[in-house]
Amino acid sequence: MPSDRGKNMRPGLRVLVVGFAGHQGKEYLPIVRESADIVGGVDPAPAASSLADEWGFPHYHALSEALEQVDFDAAVVTVPHSEHFPICVELLAHGRHVIKEKPFAVTEQEARQLIQLAQRADRGVFTLLQRNFDPVFRFARENLARIGEPYWFSYDYHFNLAHPTTGWRASREQAMGGVLLDMGYHLIDVLSGMFPAPEPPRMHSAFVHQYQEMRDRRLEDLVGLLCSYPATGLAGSLRVSRHHHEKIEHLCVLGAEGALNVSPGIATLHSVGGMPLERCTWEGPKIDVLRAMFAHHLGHLDDRHYRQDHLQRQLATVRTIDGIYRDRLREQNGLSDRCA
């Protein structure tokens, strides 16, 4: 797989890791260290201090402490959804680049504020989305035109968790949304890249709850979406859930001259009638995709054109998801008014 490691990389790049003691943060530590010097870590978790000692960098309980005591170029942020916006605002106010877990923002208003702050500070805010660096998804993007004008897609992404959601994702205050904001962010971003449009697609949604506690917290266990793009006539469906009978991801795009199917590790082009035309397979380890992702973002911190393109794509993704949630809330409020 092509790699950006070393390309355009600043010598002596210094990175602060924020939220490093969580599952995702710990997974990223060795990868970040391959491309930059980790000069400090911020995390209030009890295990954070010993983990920082193990990795040999200073530990801070609060971001304000780190900003006062250590100099760094960029921060890698892996925290619950509710903490993303205030942390990014503070980092940008101090002139630091941000490389963060999804979502870019929870609401369109927050997304627009972050873009303004990033542009004012002349800094980047990059969202970590692995599919953009996965060879099979890259093959899909590069060969989409070969199936002719797309007219339909279906995208399914399911986990097969046997128990209700736990941890901060089970807290409305921290998660701020269910599977649409969490798992669905990846899918909406893929579609934003494959089918860019000046306006968000029209969406009809169904929110489903398997567990009563998730219903009470307004955190959907499953979401189904029917999408349409008026400017092109394209339409499609998405289904995302945590409690399917099997773990699966599958994207199918139908075009006037063929079809494209994408699943983990394999993408296939089909002619009209279903005959396979070309196939791309990837059996490499996940860590190689992560390496390419971090190296690419760290290598483009000073690329204003790349930063702007990335911000606009993330705005499109956030705008779509926020619109779905707002439409859902209006429907619920309308139903409550009719029942009153």
Protein backbone atom coordinates (compact mmCIF):
# COMPACT_ATOMS: atom_id res chain seq x y z
CA MET A 1 0.00 0.00 0.00
CA PRO A 2 1.36 3.45 -0.84
CA SER A 3 2.55 5.29 2.25
CA ASP A 4 3.14 8.96 3.00
CA ARG A 5 5.57 8.19 5.81
CA GLY A 6 8.35 10.74 5.73
CA LYS A 7 6.88 12.70 2.81
CA ASN A 8 6.54 16.42 3.59
CA MET A 9 7.08 15.63 7.27
CA ARG A 10 8.46 18.41 9.43
CA PRO A 11 11.73 17.41 11.10
CA GLY A 12 11.36 17.14 14.87
CA LEU A 13 7.56 17.28 14.82
CA ARG A 14 6.20 17.47 18.38
CA VAL A 15 2.81 15.99 19.31
CA LEU A 16 0.66 16.15 22.43
CA VAL A 17 -1.74 13.21 22.93
CA VAL A 18 -5.09 14.06 24.54
CA GLY A 19 -7.16 11.16 25.85
CA PHE A 20 -4.32 8.68 25.40
CA ALA A 21 -5.35 6.24 28.16
CA GLY A 22 -8.53 5.08 26.41
CA HIS A 23 -8.71 2.14 24.02
CA GLN A 24 -8.29 4.23 20.85
CA GLY A 25 -5.62 6.46 22.36
CA LYS A 26 -3.49 3.49 23.42
CA GLU A 27 -3.81 1.97 19.95
CA TYR A 28 -2.51 5.17 18.36
CA LEU A 29 0.50 5.74 20.66
CA PRO A 30 3.03 3.50 18.83
CA ILE A 31 1.85 4.77 15.43
CA VAL A 32 2.13 8.44 16.36
CA ARG A 33 5.60 7.83 17.76
CA GLU A 34 6.75 6.48 14.38
CA SER A 35 6.13 9.88 12.78
CA ALA A 36 6.62 12.39 15.60
CA ASP A 37 7.97 12.99 19.09
CA ILE A 38 5.30 12.58 21.78
CA VAL A 39 6.16 15.41 24.16
CA GLY A 40 3.26 15.04 26.60
CA GLY A 41 -0.11 13.48 27.29
CA VAL A 42 -3.37 14.75 28.79
CA ASP A 43 -5.81 12.38 30.46
CA PRO A 44 -7.51 12.48 33.89
CA ALA A 45 -7.98 8.69 34.01
CA PRO A 46 -6.35 6.93 37.00
CA ALA A 47 -4.26 4.71 34.72
CA ALA A 48 -2.90 7.61 32.66
CA SER A 49 0.07 8.47 34.88
CA SER A 50 1.60 4.99 34.83
CA LEU A 51 0.96 4.69 31.09
CA ALA A 52 2.75 7.99 30.47
CA ASP A 53 5.68 6.76 32.57
CA GLU A 54 5.77 3.57 30.53
CA TRP A 55 5.97 5.57 27.29
CA GLY A 56 8.34 8.15 28.73
CA PHE A 57 6.42 11.41 28.32
CA PRO A 58 5.06 13.93 30.87
CA HIS A 59 1.50 13.45 32.07
CA TYR A 60 -0.99 16.27 32.61
CA HIS A 61 -4.47 16.04 34.10
CA ALA A 62 -5.81 19.02 32.16
CA LEU A 63 -5.13 20.53 28.75
CA SER A 64 -4.51 23.95 30.31
CA GLU A 65 -1.54 22.48 32.24
CA ALA A 66 0.00 21.08 29.09
CA LEU A 67 -0.44 24.32 27.17
CA GLU A 68 1.44 26.17 29.92
CA GLN A 69 4.28 23.69 30.35
CA VAL A 70 5.09 21.99 27.03
CA ASP A 71 5.60 23.21 23.47
CA PHE A 72 4.12 21.17 20.64
CA ASP A 73 3.03 21.50 17.00
CA ALA A 74 -0.08 19.32 16.92
CA ALA A 75 -2.40 17.45 19.26
CA VAL A 76 -3.90 14.01 18.66
CA VAL A 77 -7.33 14.01 20.34
CA THR A 78 -9.22 10.82 21.28
CA VAL A 79 -11.96 11.74 23.76
CA PRO A 80 -15.74 11.25 24.14
CA HIS A 81 -17.86 13.22 21.67
CA SER A 82 -18.94 15.82 24.22
CA GLU A 83 -15.32 16.90 24.81
CA HIS A 84 -14.26 17.37 21.17
CA PHE A 85 -15.46 20.92 20.62
CA PRO A 86 -14.11 22.66 23.76
CA ILE A 87 -10.74 20.90 23.42
CA CYS A 88 -10.41 21.89 19.76
CA VAL A 89 -11.38 25.49 20.53
CA GLU A 90 -8.69 25.68 23.23
CA LEU A 91 -6.01 24.14 21.01
CA LEU A 92 -6.78 26.41 18.06
CA ALA A 93 -6.81 29.46 20.34
CA HIS A 94 -3.21 28.56 21.22
CA GLY A 95 -2.20 28.09 17.58
CA ARG A 96 -1.94 24.29 17.55
CA HIS A 97 -2.94 21.87 14.79
CA VAL A 98 -5.55 19.24 15.71
CA ILE A 99 -5.72 15.62 14.56
CA LYS A 100 -8.80 14.06 16.10
CA GLU A 101 -11.13 11.10 16.20
CA LYS A 102 -14.52 11.50 14.52
CA PRO A 103 -16.83 13.28 14.58
CA PHE A 104 -15.33 16.52 13.30
CA ALA A 105 -18.15 18.19 15.24
CA VAL A 106 -21.55 17.20 16.62
CA THR A 107 -23.57 20.05 15.08
CA GLU A 108 -23.29 22.12 11.93
CA GLN A 109 -22.97 25.27 14.05
CA GLU A 110 -19.96 23.82 15.91
CA ALA A 111 -18.43 22.66 12.62
CA ARG A 112 -18.66 26.14 11.13
CA GLN A 113 -17.18 27.67 14.29
CA LEU A 114 -14.23 25.26 14.16
CA ILE A 115 -13.61 26.07 10.51
CA GLN A 116 -13.59 29.80 11.26
CA LEU A 117 -11.21 29.31 14.19
CA ALA A 118 -8.90 27.05 12.15
CA GLN A 119 -8.76 29.55 9.30
CA ARG A 120 -8.17 32.45 11.66
CA ALA A 121 -5.33 30.57 13.37
CA ASP A 122 -3.96 29.23 10.05
CA ARG A 123 -4.09 25.73 11.49
CA GLY A 124 -5.59 22.40 10.46
CA VAL A 125 -8.25 20.24 12.07
CA PHE A 126 -7.99 16.73 10.63
CA THR A 127 -10.47 13.95 11.36
CA LEU A 128 -9.18 10.36 11.60
CA LEU A 129 -11.21 8.27 9.13
CA GLN A 130 -9.50 5.04 8.18
CA ARG A 131 -11.52 4.20 5.07
CA ASN A 132 -9.96 7.15 3.27
CA PHE A 133 -6.62 5.33 3.49
CA ASP A 134 -7.84 1.76 2.96
CA PRO A 135 -6.68 0.39 -0.45
CA VAL A 136 -10.06 -1.17 -1.32
CA PHE A 137 -11.94 2.07 -0.66
CA ARG A 138 -9.27 3.94 -2.63
CA PHE A 139 -9.82 1.52 -5.52
CA ALA A 140 -13.57 2.16 -5.25
CA ARG A 141 -13.14 5.96 -5.44
CA GLU A 142 -10.68 5.79 -8.32
CA ASN A 143 -12.82 3.39 -10.39
CA LEU A 144 -16.33 4.63 -9.65
CA ALA A 145 -16.59 6.32 -13.08
CA ARG A 146 -16.21 2.94 -14.79
CA ILE A 147 -19.74 1.89 -13.80
CA GLY A 148 -21.28 4.90 -15.55
CA GLU A 149 -23.71 7.30 -13.91
CA PRO A 150 -24.56 5.96 -10.44
CA TYR A 151 -28.28 5.72 -9.73
CA TRP A 152 -28.52 3.64 -6.53
CA PHE A 153 -26.39 2.58 -3.56
CA SER A 154 -26.89 0.49 -0.46
CA TYR A 155 -24.53 0.64 2.50
CA ASP A 156 -24.80 -1.68 5.51
CA TYR A 157 -22.54 -1.55 8.56
CA HIS A 158 -23.28 -3.70 11.60
CA PHE A 159 -21.63 -4.91 14.78
CA ASN A 160 -22.80 -8.07 16.53
CA LEU A 161 -22.53 -6.98 20.16
CA ALA A 162 -24.33 -9.38 22.48
CA HIS A 163 -25.03 -6.85 25.22
CA PRO A 164 -26.26 -3.25 25.51
CA THR A 165 -23.81 -0.47 24.75
CA THR A 166 -21.49 0.32 27.68
CA GLY A 167 -18.96 3.00 28.64
CA TRP A 168 -19.27 6.62 27.61
CA ARG A 169 -21.21 5.66 24.45
CA ALA A 170 -24.08 4.65 26.77
CA SER A 171 -24.23 8.18 28.23
CA ARG A 172 -26.37 10.74 26.40
CA GLU A 173 -24.31 13.57 27.88
CA GLN A 174 -21.03 12.15 26.53
CA ALA A 175 -22.06 10.31 23.36
CA MET A 176 -24.57 12.99 22.19
CA GLY A 177 -26.00 10.50 19.71
CA GLY A 178 -26.29 6.80 18.98
CA VAL A 179 -25.04 4.69 16.09
CA LEU A 180 -25.66 7.42 13.49
CA LEU A 181 -23.14 9.82 15.04
CA ASP A 182 -20.72 7.04 16.03
CA MET A 183 -20.57 4.28 13.43
CA GLY A 184 -22.60 6.14 10.82
CA TYR A 185 -20.11 9.02 10.64
CA HIS A 186 -17.71 6.76 8.72
CA LEU A 187 -20.38 5.86 6.15
CA ILE A 188 -21.65 9.38 5.60
CA ASP A 189 -18.04 10.53 5.12
CA VAL A 190 -17.42 7.80 2.52
CA LEU A 191 -20.55 8.89 0.64
CA SER A 192 -19.55 12.58 0.92
CA GLY A 193 -16.28 11.70 -0.79
CA MET A 194 -17.81 9.50 -3.50
CA PHE A 195 -20.84 11.66 -4.24
CA PRO A 196 -19.97 15.31 -3.46
CA ALA A 197 -22.96 17.60 -3.76
CA PRO A 198 -23.56 21.32 -3.19
CA GLU A 199 -26.51 20.55 -0.92
CA PRO A 200 -27.02 17.77 1.65
CA PRO A 201 -29.00 14.77 0.40
CA ARG A 202 -32.63 14.49 1.40
CA MET A 203 -33.00 11.95 4.18
CA HIS A 204 -35.84 9.89 5.60
CA SER A 205 -34.82 8.10 8.80
CA ALA A 206 -36.00 5.31 11.08
CA PHE A 207 -34.47 5.15 14.57
CA VAL A 208 -34.81 1.80 16.37
CA HIS A 209 -33.97 0.76 19.93
CA GLN A 210 -33.33 -2.83 20.96
CA TYR A 211 -32.83 -1.95 24.63
CA GLN A 212 -35.21 0.12 26.75
CA GLU A 213 -32.37 1.91 28.52
CA MET A 214 -31.06 3.15 25.17
CA ARG A 215 -34.54 4.34 24.21
CA ASP A 216 -34.79 6.22 27.50
CA ARG A 217 -31.43 7.91 26.79
CA ARG A 218 -32.35 8.68 23.15
CA LEU A 219 -29.36 6.72 21.83
CA GLU A 220 -30.45 4.70 18.82
CA ASP A 221 -29.28 1.07 18.53
CA LEU A 222 -30.11 0.96 14.80
CA VAL A 223 -30.75 3.60 12.17
CA GLY A 224 -32.10 3.14 8.67
CA LEU A 225 -31.83 5.95 6.12
CA LEU A 226 -33.32 6.47 2.68
CA CYS A 227 -31.30 9.09 0.80
CA SER A 228 -31.86 11.05 -2.40
CA TYR A 229 -29.68 13.55 -4.28
CA PRO A 230 -32.07 15.77 -6.29
CA ALA A 231 -29.34 17.31 -8.46
CA THR A 232 -28.25 13.97 -9.93
CA GLY A 233 -31.17 11.59 -9.36
CA LEU A 234 -28.99 9.30 -7.23
CA ALA A 235 -30.74 7.53 -4.36
CA GLY A 236 -29.72 4.94 -1.79
CA SER A 237 -30.12 3.39 1.62
CA LEU A 238 -27.98 3.00 4.73
CA ARG A 239 -28.43 0.69 7.71
CA VAL A 240 -26.21 0.91 10.78
CA SER A 241 -26.55 -1.10 14.00
CA ARG A 242 -24.63 -2.52 16.96
CA HIS A 243 -26.57 -5.74 17.57
CA HIS A 244 -26.83 -7.52 14.22
CA HIS A 245 -26.47 -11.31 13.97
CA GLU A 246 -23.07 -10.85 12.31
CA LYS A 247 -20.42 -8.17 11.96
CA ILE A 248 -20.57 -6.90 8.42
CA GLU A 249 -19.82 -3.93 6.19
CA HIS A 250 -20.92 -3.82 2.55
CA LEU A 251 -21.31 -0.98 0.05
CA CYS A 252 -22.92 -1.60 -3.33
CA VAL A 253 -23.22 1.10 -6.01
CA LEU A 254 -25.28 0.49 -9.15
CA GLY A 255 -24.49 2.48 -12.28
CA ALA A 256 -25.76 2.69 -15.82
CA GLU A 257 -22.82 0.58 -17.04
CA GLY A 258 -22.13 -1.76 -14.13
CA ALA A 259 -21.81 -2.09 -10.38
CA LEU A 260 -19.25 -1.64 -7.62
CA ASN A 261 -19.15 -3.74 -4.44
CA VAL A 262 -16.94 -2.95 -1.47
CA SER A 263 -16.43 -5.00 1.72
CA PRO A 264 -13.50 -5.16 4.15
CA GLY A 265 -10.51 -6.43 2.19
CA ILE A 266 -12.16 -6.61 -1.23
CA ALA A 267 -13.66 -4.34 -3.89
CA THR A 268 -15.08 -5.65 -7.17
CA LEU A 269 -16.23 -4.00 -10.38
CA HIS A 270 -19.05 -5.77 -12.25
CA SER A 271 -20.37 -5.30 -15.75
CA VAL A 272 -24.09 -4.99 -16.47
CA GLY A 273 -25.40 -8.48 -15.83
CA GLY A 274 -23.00 -9.16 -12.99
CA MET A 275 -19.79 -10.44 -14.60
CA PRO A 276 -16.70 -9.41 -12.53
CA LEU A 277 -14.42 -7.04 -14.43
CA GLU A 278 -11.69 -6.23 -11.91
CA ARG A 279 -11.03 -6.93 -8.26
CA CYS A 280 -8.87 -5.28 -5.62
CA THR A 281 -7.99 -7.22 -2.47
CA TRP A 282 -6.11 -6.10 0.62
CA GLU A 283 -5.01 -8.55 3.29
CA GLY A 284 -2.56 -6.30 5.07
CA PRO A 285 -2.81 -5.51 8.77
CA LYS A 286 -5.00 -2.66 10.03
CA ILE A 287 -1.92 -0.96 11.47
CA ASP A 288 -0.64 -0.21 7.96
CA VAL A 289 -3.78 1.79 7.20
CA LEU A 290 -3.38 3.66 10.50
CA ARG A 291 0.26 4.43 9.69
CA ALA A 292 -0.69 5.83 6.30
CA MET A 293 -3.46 7.94 7.85
CA PHE A 294 -1.30 9.54 10.53
CA ALA A 295 1.68 10.05 8.25
CA HIS A 296 -0.53 11.73 5.67
CA HIS A 297 -2.12 14.18 8.09
CA LEU A 298 1.14 14.94 9.89
CA GLY A 299 2.80 15.48 6.51
CA HIS A 300 0.13 17.98 5.41
CA LEU A 301 -0.07 20.25 8.44
CA ASP A 302 1.22 23.19 6.41
CA ASP A 303 -0.75 22.40 3.22
CA ARG A 304 -3.51 25.04 3.24
CA HIS A 305 -5.23 23.63 0.14
CA TYR A 306 -5.45 20.16 1.65
CA ARG A 307 -6.61 21.57 4.98
CA GLN A 308 -9.41 23.54 3.31
CA ASP A 309 -10.62 20.56 1.26
CA HIS A 310 -10.66 18.40 4.37
CA LEU A 311 -12.63 20.99 6.37
CA GLN A 312 -15.27 21.34 3.67
CA ARG A 313 -15.77 17.60 3.38
CA GLN A 314 -16.15 17.27 7.13
CA LEU A 315 -18.64 20.14 7.13
CA ALA A 316 -20.71 18.24 4.55
CA THR A 317 -20.65 15.10 6.71
CA VAL A 318 -21.57 16.93 9.92
CA ARG A 319 -24.29 18.93 8.17
CA THR A 320 -25.93 15.74 6.89
CA ILE A 321 -25.88 13.97 10.27
CA ASP A 322 -26.97 17.05 12.22
CA GLY A 323 -29.84 17.55 9.76
CA ILE A 324 -31.05 13.99 10.33
CA TYR A 325 -31.04 14.45 14.11
CA ARG A 326 -32.78 17.82 13.89
CA ASP A 327 -35.48 16.42 11.59
CA ARG A 328 -35.95 13.54 14.02
CA LEU A 329 -36.32 15.94 16.95
CA ARG A 330 -38.90 18.02 15.03
CA GLU A 331 -40.89 14.86 14.29
CA GLN A 332 -40.84 13.85 17.95
CA ASN A 333 -41.87 17.32 19.09
CA GLY A 334 -44.67 17.37 16.53
CA LEU A 335 -45.91 13.99 17.72
CA SER A 336 -45.83 15.21 21.34
CA ASP A 337 -47.84 18.30 20.39
CA ARG A 338 -50.46 16.20 18.61
CA CYS A 339 -50.76 13.85 21.59
CA ALA A 340 -51.05 16.69 24.13
